[in-house]
Amino acid sequence: LNVANKMPDQKTRAKQNAATIKANNVTLVGAQECTGIEGPGDASDYATMIDTALGEGWYTIKPTTPLNENYIWYFRPEWLPEKQLADQILRPANSPGRHATRCIFKKRDTSYRVLHIDTHLVENVGGVDHSTQRQAMGKIIADGIVAARKVETFDGVLITGDMNTTDDIAAFLAI
């Protein structure tokens, strides 16, 4: 869900985003563009508005880097966060830096463990085509999944985010 904190009337928009999440009956959600933190470990004001709008039972996994924009919301009665992995830095050559927020969750009723990765890949701006950098960022994420499988146990992978493309990310398909 690209919650776009750049839009006017953030409080109303946060309520709309929370309503969309609830209406679609999802319990594990990745969101982008929750920028604007005050300091290390703080959540953005916009992310806090979404937290409040989601209400009881909903909790947040915040990014671990100053690139702070990708959040994961989970409904605690259904999901238990078992381990938040360090954010993965996505900075291939000639590309603005991005990151991926990562956490391993366990489904309470089945013990199914999923590695949830939430990211926001670079967009085309100023007439510059960043498709090569998006593919490279996808490769960094895929390599991180392979590396995580060597030291962590999980049954599946959920990659969410704004990929800023209609093309497939080749590295995601390859793994």
N, C-alpha and C. Protein backbone atom coordinates (compact mmCIF):
# COMPACT_ATOMS: atom_id res chain seq x y z
N LEU A 1 0.86 -1.17 0.00
CA LEU A 1 0.00 0.00 0.00
C LEU A 1 0.89 1.22 0.00
N ASN A 2 0.82 2.01 -1.03
CA ASN A 2 1.56 3.26 -1.05
C ASN A 2 0.66 4.30 -0.42
N VAL A 3 0.97 4.66 0.81
CA VAL A 3 0.08 5.53 1.57
C VAL A 3 0.31 7.01 1.29
N ALA A 4 1.36 7.35 0.57
CA ALA A 4 1.64 8.69 0.05
C ALA A 4 1.43 9.81 1.05
N ASN A 5 2.40 9.98 1.92
CA ASN A 5 2.30 11.06 2.90
C ASN A 5 2.43 12.44 2.27
N LYS A 6 2.71 12.51 0.98
CA LYS A 6 2.87 13.79 0.30
C LYS A 6 1.53 14.44 -0.06
N MET A 7 0.46 13.73 0.13
CA MET A 7 -0.86 14.22 -0.24
C MET A 7 -1.38 15.15 0.87
N PRO A 8 -2.31 16.06 0.52
CA PRO A 8 -2.86 16.96 1.55
C PRO A 8 -3.75 16.20 2.53
N ASP A 9 -3.97 16.83 3.67
CA ASP A 9 -4.85 16.32 4.72
C ASP A 9 -4.46 14.91 5.15
N GLN A 10 -3.28 14.81 5.74
CA GLN A 10 -2.74 13.51 6.13
C GLN A 10 -3.62 12.77 7.13
N LYS A 11 -4.23 13.46 8.04
CA LYS A 11 -5.06 12.79 9.05
C LYS A 11 -6.23 12.05 8.39
N THR A 12 -6.91 12.72 7.45
CA THR A 12 -8.01 12.08 6.72
C THR A 12 -7.48 10.93 5.89
N ARG A 13 -6.35 11.15 5.21
CA ARG A 13 -5.76 10.10 4.37
C ARG A 13 -5.35 8.89 5.20
N ALA A 14 -4.80 9.10 6.39
CA ALA A 14 -4.43 7.99 7.27
C ALA A 14 -5.66 7.16 7.63
N LYS A 15 -6.77 7.84 7.92
CA LYS A 15 -8.02 7.13 8.23
C LYS A 15 -8.51 6.34 7.02
N GLN A 16 -8.38 6.92 5.83
CA GLN A 16 -8.77 6.22 4.60
C GLN A 16 -7.90 4.99 4.38
N ASN A 17 -6.59 5.11 4.61
CA ASN A 17 -5.70 3.97 4.45
C ASN A 17 -6.05 2.86 5.42
N ALA A 18 -6.30 3.22 6.67
CA ALA A 18 -6.68 2.22 7.68
C ALA A 18 -7.99 1.54 7.29
N ALA A 19 -8.95 2.31 6.80
CA ALA A 19 -10.23 1.74 6.38
C ALA A 19 -10.04 0.78 5.21
N THR A 20 -9.16 1.13 4.28
CA THR A 20 -8.88 0.25 3.14
C THR A 20 -8.29 -1.07 3.61
N ILE A 21 -7.34 -0.99 4.55
CA ILE A 21 -6.72 -2.21 5.09
C ILE A 21 -7.79 -3.10 5.73
N LYS A 22 -8.61 -2.53 6.57
CA LYS A 22 -9.64 -3.31 7.26
C LYS A 22 -10.69 -3.85 6.29
N ALA A 23 -11.10 -3.05 5.32
CA ALA A 23 -12.13 -3.47 4.37
C ALA A 23 -11.66 -4.65 3.52
N ASN A 24 -10.37 -4.74 3.29
CA ASN A 24 -9.83 -5.83 2.48
C ASN A 24 -9.44 -7.04 3.31
N ASN A 25 -9.71 -6.98 4.60
CA ASN A 25 -9.51 -8.11 5.50
C ASN A 25 -8.09 -8.68 5.42
N VAL A 26 -7.11 -7.79 5.32
CA VAL A 26 -5.72 -8.22 5.36
C VAL A 26 -5.18 -7.99 6.76
N THR A 27 -4.22 -8.81 7.15
CA THR A 27 -3.71 -8.71 8.52
C THR A 27 -2.19 -8.53 8.58
N LEU A 28 -1.57 -8.44 7.42
CA LEU A 28 -0.13 -8.19 7.31
C LEU A 28 0.04 -7.26 6.12
N VAL A 29 0.50 -6.03 6.36
CA VAL A 29 0.49 -4.99 5.34
C VAL A 29 1.82 -4.26 5.29
N GLY A 30 2.34 -4.06 4.09
CA GLY A 30 3.51 -3.22 3.89
C GLY A 30 3.06 -1.89 3.31
N ALA A 31 3.65 -0.81 3.81
CA ALA A 31 3.29 0.52 3.31
C ALA A 31 4.54 1.36 3.08
N GLN A 32 4.47 2.20 2.07
CA GLN A 32 5.57 3.07 1.71
C GLN A 32 5.16 4.53 1.87
N GLU A 33 6.17 5.38 1.80
CA GLU A 33 6.02 6.83 1.86
C GLU A 33 5.49 7.30 3.21
N CYS A 34 5.98 6.69 4.26
CA CYS A 34 5.68 7.14 5.62
C CYS A 34 6.90 7.88 6.15
N THR A 35 7.33 8.90 5.45
CA THR A 35 8.57 9.60 5.78
C THR A 35 8.35 10.70 6.81
N GLY A 36 9.46 11.25 7.27
CA GLY A 36 9.42 12.40 8.16
C GLY A 36 9.56 12.06 9.62
N ILE A 37 10.68 11.44 10.01
CA ILE A 37 10.89 11.09 11.41
C ILE A 37 11.61 12.23 12.14
N GLU A 38 11.45 12.25 13.43
CA GLU A 38 12.10 13.25 14.27
C GLU A 38 13.51 12.82 14.66
N GLY A 39 13.69 11.55 14.97
CA GLY A 39 15.00 11.07 15.41
C GLY A 39 15.08 9.57 15.32
N PRO A 40 16.26 9.01 15.61
CA PRO A 40 16.44 7.55 15.52
C PRO A 40 15.43 6.81 16.39
N GLY A 41 14.81 5.81 15.81
CA GLY A 41 13.85 4.99 16.54
C GLY A 41 12.44 5.55 16.56
N ASP A 42 12.27 6.78 16.09
CA ASP A 42 10.95 7.39 16.06
C ASP A 42 10.18 6.91 14.83
N ALA A 43 8.88 6.89 14.95
CA ALA A 43 8.03 6.64 13.78
C ALA A 43 7.67 7.99 13.18
N SER A 44 7.40 7.98 11.89
CA SER A 44 6.97 9.23 11.27
C SER A 44 5.60 9.61 11.82
N ASP A 45 5.30 10.91 11.79
CA ASP A 45 3.99 11.37 12.25
C ASP A 45 2.87 10.69 11.46
N TYR A 46 3.10 10.53 10.17
CA TYR A 46 2.09 9.92 9.32
C TYR A 46 1.86 8.45 9.68
N ALA A 47 2.95 7.72 9.93
CA ALA A 47 2.81 6.32 10.36
C ALA A 47 2.05 6.25 11.68
N THR A 48 2.31 7.18 12.58
CA THR A 48 1.61 7.21 13.86
C THR A 48 0.12 7.46 13.65
N MET A 49 -0.22 8.31 12.69
CA MET A 49 -1.64 8.56 12.38
C MET A 49 -2.31 7.28 11.88
N ILE A 50 -1.60 6.52 11.05
CA ILE A 50 -2.16 5.26 10.55
C ILE A 50 -2.31 4.27 11.70
N ASP A 51 -1.31 4.19 12.59
CA ASP A 51 -1.41 3.33 13.78
C ASP A 51 -2.69 3.63 14.55
N THR A 52 -2.90 4.90 14.82
CA THR A 52 -4.07 5.32 15.58
C THR A 52 -5.36 4.95 14.86
N ALA A 53 -5.39 5.18 13.55
CA ALA A 53 -6.59 4.88 12.76
C ALA A 53 -6.87 3.38 12.69
N LEU A 54 -5.83 2.56 12.66
CA LEU A 54 -6.05 1.10 12.62
C LEU A 54 -6.66 0.61 13.93
N GLY A 55 -6.21 1.15 15.04
CA GLY A 55 -6.82 0.83 16.32
C GLY A 55 -6.26 -0.40 17.01
N GLU A 56 -7.06 -0.90 17.93
CA GLU A 56 -6.65 -1.98 18.82
C GLU A 56 -6.28 -3.25 18.06
N GLY A 57 -5.20 -3.87 18.48
CA GLY A 57 -4.75 -5.12 17.90
C GLY A 57 -3.72 -4.95 16.80
N TRP A 58 -3.56 -3.74 16.29
CA TRP A 58 -2.61 -3.48 15.21
C TRP A 58 -1.31 -2.92 15.77
N TYR A 59 -0.20 -3.42 15.24
CA TYR A 59 1.12 -2.98 15.66
C TYR A 59 1.99 -2.73 14.43
N THR A 60 3.13 -2.09 14.67
CA THR A 60 3.98 -1.63 13.58
C THR A 60 5.40 -2.13 13.70
N ILE A 61 5.96 -2.54 12.58
CA ILE A 61 7.40 -2.77 12.46
C ILE A 61 7.95 -1.54 11.74
N LYS A 62 8.81 -0.81 12.43
CA LYS A 62 9.40 0.40 11.88
C LYS A 62 10.74 0.07 11.21
N PRO A 63 11.13 0.86 10.24
CA PRO A 63 12.45 0.67 9.62
C PRO A 63 13.56 0.85 10.65
N THR A 64 14.70 0.25 10.36
CA THR A 64 15.85 0.35 11.27
C THR A 64 16.90 1.33 10.76
N THR A 65 16.65 1.99 9.64
CA THR A 65 17.63 2.91 9.08
C THR A 65 17.07 4.32 8.98
N PRO A 66 17.94 5.30 8.81
CA PRO A 66 17.48 6.67 8.61
C PRO A 66 16.76 6.87 7.27
N LEU A 67 16.78 5.87 6.38
CA LEU A 67 16.05 5.97 5.11
C LEU A 67 14.55 5.80 5.32
N ASN A 68 14.15 5.64 6.55
CA ASN A 68 12.81 5.49 7.08
C ASN A 68 11.67 5.87 6.14
N GLU A 69 11.02 4.88 5.55
CA GLU A 69 9.75 5.12 4.84
C GLU A 69 8.91 3.87 4.70
N ASN A 70 9.49 2.69 4.83
CA ASN A 70 8.75 1.44 4.62
C ASN A 70 8.38 0.82 5.97
N TYR A 71 7.10 0.75 6.23
CA TYR A 71 6.59 0.21 7.49
C TYR A 71 5.80 -1.07 7.21
N ILE A 72 5.74 -1.93 8.22
CA ILE A 72 4.91 -3.13 8.14
C ILE A 72 3.92 -3.07 9.31
N TRP A 73 2.64 -3.17 8.99
CA TRP A 73 1.60 -3.26 10.02
C TRP A 73 1.13 -4.70 10.10
N TYR A 74 0.89 -5.17 11.32
CA TYR A 74 0.40 -6.53 11.50
C TYR A 74 -0.67 -6.54 12.58
N PHE A 75 -1.61 -7.47 12.40
CA PHE A 75 -2.69 -7.65 13.35
C PHE A 75 -2.25 -8.72 14.33
N ARG A 76 -1.94 -8.30 15.54
CA ARG A 76 -1.30 -9.18 16.53
C ARG A 76 -2.12 -10.43 16.89
N PRO A 77 -3.44 -10.38 16.90
CA PRO A 77 -4.16 -11.62 17.18
C PRO A 77 -3.87 -12.73 16.15
N GLU A 78 -3.38 -12.35 14.96
CA GLU A 78 -3.08 -13.35 13.92
C GLU A 78 -1.60 -13.58 13.69
N TRP A 79 -0.78 -12.55 13.87
CA TRP A 79 0.65 -12.64 13.56
C TRP A 79 1.51 -12.27 14.76
N LEU A 80 2.60 -12.99 14.92
CA LEU A 80 3.57 -12.71 15.96
C LEU A 80 4.91 -12.39 15.29
N PRO A 81 5.45 -11.19 15.51
CA PRO A 81 6.76 -10.92 14.93
C PRO A 81 7.82 -11.68 15.71
N GLU A 82 8.54 -12.53 15.02
CA GLU A 82 9.55 -13.34 15.71
C GLU A 82 10.93 -12.69 15.69
N LYS A 83 11.26 -12.03 14.59
CA LYS A 83 12.58 -11.43 14.51
C LYS A 83 12.60 -10.37 13.42
N GLN A 84 12.93 -9.15 13.81
CA GLN A 84 13.12 -8.11 12.81
C GLN A 84 14.58 -8.15 12.36
N LEU A 85 14.77 -8.32 11.07
CA LEU A 85 16.11 -8.31 10.50
C LEU A 85 16.49 -6.86 10.20
N ALA A 86 17.77 -6.59 10.15
CA ALA A 86 18.22 -5.24 9.80
C ALA A 86 17.68 -4.86 8.43
N ASP A 87 17.37 -3.59 8.27
CA ASP A 87 16.94 -3.12 6.96
C ASP A 87 18.03 -3.44 5.94
N GLN A 88 17.58 -3.76 4.77
CA GLN A 88 18.51 -4.04 3.67
C GLN A 88 18.67 -2.76 2.86
N ILE A 89 19.91 -2.32 2.69
CA ILE A 89 20.18 -1.10 1.93
C ILE A 89 20.25 -1.47 0.45
N LEU A 90 19.53 -0.72 -0.36
CA LEU A 90 19.45 -0.95 -1.80
C LEU A 90 20.10 0.24 -2.50
N ARG A 91 21.37 0.10 -2.81
CA ARG A 91 22.09 1.22 -3.41
C ARG A 91 23.01 0.74 -4.53
N PRO A 92 22.43 0.24 -5.63
CA PRO A 92 23.28 -0.15 -6.75
C PRO A 92 23.90 1.10 -7.40
N ALA A 93 24.87 0.88 -8.26
CA ALA A 93 25.57 1.98 -8.92
C ALA A 93 24.59 2.94 -9.62
N ASN A 94 24.90 4.21 -9.53
CA ASN A 94 24.13 5.26 -10.21
C ASN A 94 22.66 5.31 -9.79
N SER A 95 22.39 4.98 -8.55
CA SER A 95 21.01 4.94 -8.09
C SER A 95 20.88 5.66 -6.75
N PRO A 96 19.77 6.36 -6.54
CA PRO A 96 19.53 6.91 -5.21
C PRO A 96 19.28 5.76 -4.23
N GLY A 97 19.67 5.93 -3.01
CA GLY A 97 19.53 4.87 -2.02
C GLY A 97 18.09 4.62 -1.62
N ARG A 98 17.76 3.38 -1.45
CA ARG A 98 16.47 2.94 -0.93
C ARG A 98 16.75 1.86 0.10
N HIS A 99 15.70 1.34 0.72
CA HIS A 99 15.88 0.27 1.69
C HIS A 99 14.68 -0.67 1.68
N ALA A 100 14.85 -1.79 2.35
CA ALA A 100 13.77 -2.75 2.53
C ALA A 100 13.69 -3.08 4.02
N THR A 101 12.50 -2.95 4.58
CA THR A 101 12.25 -3.32 5.97
C THR A 101 11.90 -4.81 5.98
N ARG A 102 12.51 -5.57 6.92
CA ARG A 102 12.34 -7.02 6.90
C ARG A 102 12.02 -7.56 8.29
N CYS A 103 11.08 -8.49 8.34
CA CYS A 103 10.72 -9.11 9.61
C CYS A 103 10.19 -10.52 9.35
N ILE A 104 10.54 -11.44 10.23
CA ILE A 104 9.98 -12.80 10.18
C ILE A 104 8.79 -12.84 11.13
N PHE A 105 7.64 -13.23 10.59
CA PHE A 105 6.41 -13.36 11.36
C PHE A 105 5.99 -14.82 11.43
N LYS A 106 5.29 -15.16 12.52
CA LYS A 106 4.69 -16.49 12.65
C LYS A 106 3.19 -16.32 12.76
N LYS A 107 2.46 -17.07 11.94
CA LYS A 107 0.99 -17.07 12.01
C LYS A 107 0.60 -17.85 13.25
N ARG A 108 -0.17 -17.24 14.09
CA ARG A 108 -0.47 -17.84 15.40
C ARG A 108 -1.21 -19.18 15.30
N ASP A 109 -2.15 -19.31 14.37
CA ASP A 109 -2.96 -20.53 14.35
C ASP A 109 -2.31 -21.70 13.61
N THR A 110 -1.30 -21.43 12.77
CA THR A 110 -0.70 -22.51 11.99
C THR A 110 0.81 -22.66 12.20
N SER A 111 1.43 -21.68 12.85
CA SER A 111 2.89 -21.62 13.04
C SER A 111 3.64 -21.41 11.72
N TYR A 112 2.92 -21.08 10.66
CA TYR A 112 3.56 -20.76 9.38
C TYR A 112 4.42 -19.52 9.58
N ARG A 113 5.67 -19.60 9.14
CA ARG A 113 6.61 -18.49 9.30
C ARG A 113 6.89 -17.87 7.94
N VAL A 114 6.77 -16.54 7.89
CA VAL A 114 6.98 -15.82 6.64
C VAL A 114 7.99 -14.69 6.86
N LEU A 115 8.88 -14.57 5.90
CA LEU A 115 9.77 -13.41 5.86
C LEU A 115 9.05 -12.35 5.05
N HIS A 116 8.67 -11.26 5.71
CA HIS A 116 7.99 -10.16 5.03
C HIS A 116 9.02 -9.08 4.74
N ILE A 117 9.11 -8.70 3.47
CA ILE A 117 10.02 -7.66 3.01
C ILE A 117 9.18 -6.56 2.40
N ASP A 118 9.35 -5.34 2.90
CA ASP A 118 8.60 -4.20 2.37
C ASP A 118 9.59 -3.19 1.83
N THR A 119 9.39 -2.78 0.57
CA THR A 119 10.35 -1.89 -0.07
C THR A 119 9.65 -0.88 -0.96
N HIS A 120 10.41 0.04 -1.46
CA HIS A 120 9.93 1.05 -2.41
C HIS A 120 11.08 1.29 -3.38
N LEU A 121 10.98 0.70 -4.55
CA LEU A 121 12.06 0.81 -5.52
C LEU A 121 12.05 2.17 -6.20
N VAL A 122 13.20 2.54 -6.72
CA VAL A 122 13.39 3.85 -7.33
C VAL A 122 12.47 4.05 -8.54
N GLU A 123 11.93 5.26 -8.64
CA GLU A 123 11.04 5.57 -9.74
C GLU A 123 11.77 6.34 -10.83
N ASN A 124 11.16 6.40 -11.99
CA ASN A 124 11.70 7.22 -13.09
C ASN A 124 11.37 8.68 -12.77
N VAL A 125 12.41 9.50 -12.66
CA VAL A 125 12.20 10.92 -12.38
C VAL A 125 13.06 11.75 -13.32
N GLY A 126 12.58 12.93 -13.61
CA GLY A 126 13.34 13.85 -14.44
C GLY A 126 13.71 13.30 -15.80
N GLY A 127 12.85 12.43 -16.34
CA GLY A 127 13.12 11.86 -17.65
C GLY A 127 14.18 10.76 -17.66
N VAL A 128 14.63 10.34 -16.46
CA VAL A 128 15.65 9.30 -16.37
C VAL A 128 14.98 7.94 -16.12
N ASP A 129 15.32 6.97 -16.94
CA ASP A 129 14.79 5.61 -16.81
C ASP A 129 15.66 4.85 -15.81
N HIS A 130 15.06 4.47 -14.69
CA HIS A 130 15.79 3.75 -13.64
C HIS A 130 15.48 2.25 -13.64
N SER A 131 15.02 1.71 -14.77
CA SER A 131 14.67 0.29 -14.79
C SER A 131 15.86 -0.60 -14.47
N THR A 132 17.04 -0.25 -14.92
CA THR A 132 18.23 -1.06 -14.62
C THR A 132 18.50 -1.06 -13.11
N GLN A 133 18.34 0.10 -12.48
CA GLN A 133 18.56 0.18 -11.03
C GLN A 133 17.48 -0.59 -10.26
N ARG A 134 16.22 -0.54 -10.74
CA ARG A 134 15.16 -1.34 -10.08
C ARG A 134 15.48 -2.82 -10.15
N GLN A 135 15.91 -3.27 -11.32
CA GLN A 135 16.27 -4.69 -11.45
C GLN A 135 17.43 -5.03 -10.50
N ALA A 136 18.40 -4.12 -10.38
CA ALA A 136 19.55 -4.34 -9.49
C ALA A 136 19.10 -4.36 -8.02
N MET A 137 18.15 -3.49 -7.66
CA MET A 137 17.61 -3.49 -6.30
C MET A 137 16.89 -4.81 -6.02
N GLY A 138 16.15 -5.30 -7.00
CA GLY A 138 15.49 -6.59 -6.86
C GLY A 138 16.49 -7.70 -6.63
N LYS A 139 17.62 -7.64 -7.31
CA LYS A 139 18.68 -8.65 -7.14
C LYS A 139 19.26 -8.58 -5.73
N ILE A 140 19.44 -7.37 -5.20
CA ILE A 140 19.95 -7.23 -3.82
C ILE A 140 18.96 -7.86 -2.84
N ILE A 141 17.67 -7.61 -3.04
CA ILE A 141 16.64 -8.20 -2.16
C ILE A 141 16.66 -9.73 -2.28
N ALA A 142 16.69 -10.23 -3.52
CA ALA A 142 16.71 -11.68 -3.73
C ALA A 142 17.93 -12.32 -3.10
N ASP A 143 19.09 -11.70 -3.25
CA ASP A 143 20.31 -12.23 -2.63
C ASP A 143 20.17 -12.23 -1.11
N GLY A 144 19.50 -11.22 -0.57
CA GLY A 144 19.25 -11.17 0.87
C GLY A 144 18.34 -12.29 1.35
N ILE A 145 17.37 -12.67 0.52
CA ILE A 145 16.49 -13.79 0.87
C ILE A 145 17.29 -15.08 0.91
N VAL A 146 18.12 -15.29 -0.10
CA VAL A 146 18.97 -16.48 -0.15
C VAL A 146 19.89 -16.53 1.08
N ALA A 147 20.49 -15.39 1.43
CA ALA A 147 21.37 -15.33 2.60
C ALA A 147 20.60 -15.59 3.89
N ALA A 148 19.40 -15.03 4.01
CA ALA A 148 18.59 -15.22 5.21
C ALA A 148 18.20 -16.68 5.39
N ARG A 149 17.93 -17.38 4.28
CA ARG A 149 17.55 -18.80 4.37
C ARG A 149 18.67 -19.65 4.94
N LYS A 150 19.90 -19.18 4.86
CA LYS A 150 21.04 -19.94 5.40
C LYS A 150 21.13 -19.86 6.92
N VAL A 151 20.51 -18.81 7.51
CA VAL A 151 20.63 -18.63 8.96
C VAL A 151 19.29 -18.55 9.69
N GLU A 152 18.21 -18.41 8.94
CA GLU A 152 16.88 -18.30 9.53
C GLU A 152 15.96 -19.37 8.93
N THR A 153 14.92 -19.70 9.67
CA THR A 153 13.94 -20.66 9.17
C THR A 153 12.62 -19.94 8.91
N PHE A 154 12.11 -20.06 7.69
CA PHE A 154 10.80 -19.52 7.37
C PHE A 154 10.23 -20.33 6.22
N ASP A 155 8.89 -20.38 6.17
CA ASP A 155 8.19 -21.21 5.19
C ASP A 155 7.92 -20.49 3.88
N GLY A 156 7.84 -19.18 3.91
CA GLY A 156 7.53 -18.43 2.71
C GLY A 156 8.08 -17.03 2.78
N VAL A 157 7.97 -16.33 1.67
CA VAL A 157 8.44 -14.95 1.56
C VAL A 157 7.30 -14.11 1.01
N LEU A 158 7.07 -12.95 1.62
CA LEU A 158 6.08 -11.99 1.15
C LEU A 158 6.83 -10.70 0.85
N ILE A 159 6.85 -10.30 -0.42
CA ILE A 159 7.50 -9.05 -0.81
C ILE A 159 6.39 -8.07 -1.16
N THR A 160 6.35 -6.97 -0.43
CA THR A 160 5.37 -5.93 -0.69
C THR A 160 6.09 -4.63 -0.99
N GLY A 161 5.40 -3.73 -1.60
CA GLY A 161 5.98 -2.42 -1.81
C GLY A 161 5.58 -1.81 -3.13
N ASP A 162 6.09 -0.63 -3.33
CA ASP A 162 5.88 0.09 -4.58
C ASP A 162 7.08 -0.21 -5.45
N MET A 163 6.89 -1.02 -6.46
CA MET A 163 8.00 -1.41 -7.33
C MET A 163 8.26 -0.37 -8.42
N ASN A 164 7.34 0.59 -8.56
CA ASN A 164 7.49 1.66 -9.56
C ASN A 164 7.71 1.12 -10.97
N THR A 165 7.07 0.01 -11.27
CA THR A 165 7.21 -0.58 -12.60
C THR A 165 6.06 -1.54 -12.85
N THR A 166 5.77 -1.76 -14.10
CA THR A 166 4.83 -2.82 -14.46
C THR A 166 5.60 -4.05 -14.94
N ASP A 167 6.92 -3.91 -15.06
CA ASP A 167 7.76 -5.06 -15.47
C ASP A 167 7.98 -5.99 -14.28
N ASP A 168 8.21 -7.24 -14.59
CA ASP A 168 8.60 -8.18 -13.53
C ASP A 168 10.01 -7.89 -13.09
N ILE A 169 10.29 -8.11 -11.82
CA ILE A 169 11.65 -8.00 -11.31
C ILE A 169 12.26 -9.39 -11.48
N ALA A 170 13.19 -9.53 -12.39
CA ALA A 170 13.73 -10.83 -12.79
C ALA A 170 14.27 -11.62 -11.60
N ALA A 171 14.95 -10.98 -10.68
CA ALA A 171 15.54 -11.70 -9.54
C ALA A 171 14.47 -12.31 -8.64
N PHE A 172 13.30 -11.66 -8.50
CA PHE A 172 12.23 -12.23 -7.70
C PHE A 172 11.71 -13.50 -8.36
N LEU A 173 11.58 -13.49 -9.65
CA LEU A 173 11.11 -14.67 -10.39
C LEU A 173 12.12 -15.80 -10.30
N ALA A 174 13.40 -15.46 -10.32
CA ALA A 174 14.46 -16.47 -10.32
C ALA A 174 14.53 -17.26 -9.02
N ILE A 175 14.23 -16.61 -7.90
CA ILE A 175 14.32 -17.33 -6.63
C ILE A 175 13.03 -18.05 -6.30
